[in-house]
Structure formats: C-alpha cells, structure tokens
Amino acid sequence: MVAVNRGNVELVEYLLRQPGAADHVDKADHGGRTAMHHAAMSGHTSGTSLAMLKLLIQAGGDIHAKDRQGAHPTQKAKTLPAKMRTKYGLQRFAASVPKDEL
C-alpha cells in the first residue's frame, strides 16, 4: 500500500513478483481499504493509477473488495477515467488485462 500511495509503479511490480505476494494483495488497512482501493483513489495521474490497478488485477486483486464503508475501489476514484469509475467499468478493464503480462 505504501508503494501504491507513493505512485511507485516499479516497486509495486517488484513486490507483486515476490513469492507469496498473491496471498497479500488483498490485505486491508484499518479502514478496510486494499492496495486496489488506494490505487483507485490516489491523487496520481490516471496513467499511474491504471498501471497499478492493472498490476494488482494481474496479481489476483479483488475488484469487488469493499472497505468498511461498503465502497469498492472505484467509488473513491479521483484520477481514473470516468468510464472506469464504476465497478462495471473496472470489471471491463480487468477483463481486458492479459493475465500473462506480468
């Protein structure tokens, strides 16, 4: 989550390649937000947010995860394109991500 919050795509990619990373990709903070929530609501450029979301999705991140307020990642999106600011939009994006790119 720290790497995501700092917008460090390279570090996110590196961490997700580590053994056992898939077991931790959906760990939540005290507010119930996962790294995917943080990527969607970060103040980074949409390209950075999209790159991090793509990596998290490829690593098995749950696009349906809800935080303690019951919000899925895109409900708190700041920089995502409007067409992705819905769970349906993120589902379509996830479906278009080739799983073998990581």
Protein backbone atom coordinates (compact mmCIF):
# COMPACT_ATOMS: atom_id res chain seq x y z
CA MET A 1 0.00 0.00 0.00
CA VAL A 2 2.88 2.36 0.71
CA ALA A 3 4.33 1.85 -2.78
CA VAL A 4 0.87 2.39 -4.29
CA ASN A 5 0.30 5.56 -2.28
CA ARG A 6 3.64 6.93 -3.43
CA GLY A 7 2.86 6.13 -7.06
CA ASN A 8 5.89 3.87 -7.42
CA VAL A 9 4.75 1.52 -10.20
CA GLU A 10 8.16 -0.17 -10.45
CA LEU A 11 8.17 -1.03 -6.74
CA VAL A 12 4.58 -2.30 -6.90
CA GLU A 13 5.56 -4.53 -9.82
CA TYR A 14 8.65 -5.78 -7.98
CA LEU A 15 6.72 -6.54 -4.78
CA LEU A 16 4.00 -8.39 -6.67
CA ARG A 17 6.62 -10.66 -8.24
CA GLN A 18 7.85 -11.85 -4.85
CA PRO A 19 6.93 -15.34 -3.65
CA GLY A 20 3.68 -15.29 -1.72
CA ALA A 21 2.63 -11.85 -2.95
CA ALA A 22 -0.71 -13.19 -4.18
CA ASP A 23 -1.52 -14.12 -0.58
CA HIS A 24 -1.16 -10.49 0.47
CA VAL A 25 -2.51 -8.48 -2.46
CA ASP A 26 -5.92 -8.04 -0.79
CA LYS A 27 -4.72 -7.28 2.73
CA ALA A 28 -6.64 -4.32 4.11
CA ASP A 29 -5.66 -1.33 6.22
CA HIS A 30 -7.56 -0.18 9.33
CA GLY A 31 -10.27 1.29 7.10
CA GLY A 32 -10.71 -1.94 5.18
CA ARG A 33 -9.08 -0.48 2.06
CA THR A 34 -6.85 -2.71 -0.05
CA ALA A 35 -3.98 -1.66 -2.30
CA MET A 36 -6.55 -1.58 -5.12
CA HIS A 37 -8.64 0.96 -3.19
CA HIS A 38 -5.53 3.07 -2.68
CA ALA A 39 -4.56 2.86 -6.36
CA ALA A 40 -8.03 3.94 -7.45
CA MET A 41 -8.26 6.85 -5.02
CA SER A 42 -4.69 8.08 -5.29
CA GLY A 43 -4.00 11.58 -6.49
CA HIS A 44 -1.57 10.27 -9.10
CA THR A 45 -2.11 10.65 -12.81
CA SER A 46 -4.67 8.32 -14.34
CA GLY A 47 -1.87 6.51 -16.20
CA THR A 48 -0.08 5.72 -12.93
CA SER A 49 -3.31 4.65 -11.23
CA LEU A 50 -4.25 2.47 -14.21
CA ALA A 51 -0.80 0.86 -14.31
CA MET A 52 -1.01 0.00 -10.62
CA LEU A 53 -4.58 -1.30 -10.96
CA LYS A 54 -3.51 -3.46 -13.89
CA LEU A 55 -0.66 -4.96 -11.85
CA LEU A 56 -2.92 -5.60 -8.86
CA ILE A 57 -5.59 -7.21 -11.04
CA GLN A 58 -2.99 -9.44 -12.71
CA ALA A 59 -1.78 -10.47 -9.25
CA GLY A 60 -5.29 -11.59 -8.33
CA GLY A 61 -6.53 -8.49 -6.53
CA ASP A 62 -10.25 -8.44 -5.80
CA ILE A 63 -12.01 -5.70 -7.78
CA HIS A 64 -15.13 -6.36 -5.70
CA ALA A 65 -13.43 -5.74 -2.35
CA LYS A 66 -15.36 -3.39 -0.10
CA ASP A 67 -13.90 -1.17 2.57
CA ARG A 68 -15.51 -0.65 5.99
CA GLN A 69 -17.89 1.88 4.44
CA GLY A 70 -19.01 -0.69 1.85
CA ALA A 71 -17.29 1.06 -1.07
CA HIS A 72 -15.48 -0.81 -3.83
CA PRO A 73 -12.23 0.69 -5.18
CA THR A 74 -13.64 2.86 -7.94
CA GLN A 75 -16.25 4.55 -5.76
CA LYS A 76 -13.43 6.62 -4.30
CA ALA A 77 -11.57 7.17 -7.55
CA LYS A 78 -10.01 10.57 -8.10
CA THR A 79 -7.98 10.27 -11.28
CA LEU A 80 -9.49 7.30 -13.08
CA PRO A 81 -11.20 7.97 -16.40
CA ALA A 82 -14.95 8.47 -15.96
CA LYS A 83 -15.77 5.25 -17.82
CA MET A 84 -13.87 3.28 -15.15
CA ARG A 85 -15.35 4.96 -12.07
CA THR A 86 -17.90 2.21 -11.66
CA LYS A 87 -17.42 -1.37 -10.61
CA TYR A 88 -18.68 -2.36 -14.07
CA GLY A 89 -16.06 -0.16 -15.70
CA LEU A 90 -13.31 -1.73 -13.61
CA GLN A 91 -14.66 -5.20 -14.43
CA ARG A 92 -14.42 -4.42 -18.13
CA PHE A 93 -10.88 -3.15 -17.64
CA ALA A 94 -9.95 -6.29 -15.67
CA ALA A 95 -11.37 -8.49 -18.40
CA SER A 96 -9.15 -6.76 -20.96
CA VAL A 97 -5.93 -7.28 -18.97
CA PRO A 98 -3.92 -10.24 -20.32
CA LYS A 99 -3.02 -12.42 -17.33
CA ASP A 100 0.36 -13.38 -18.75
CA GLU A 101 1.84 -9.87 -18.97
CA LEU A 102 3.38 -9.85 -15.51
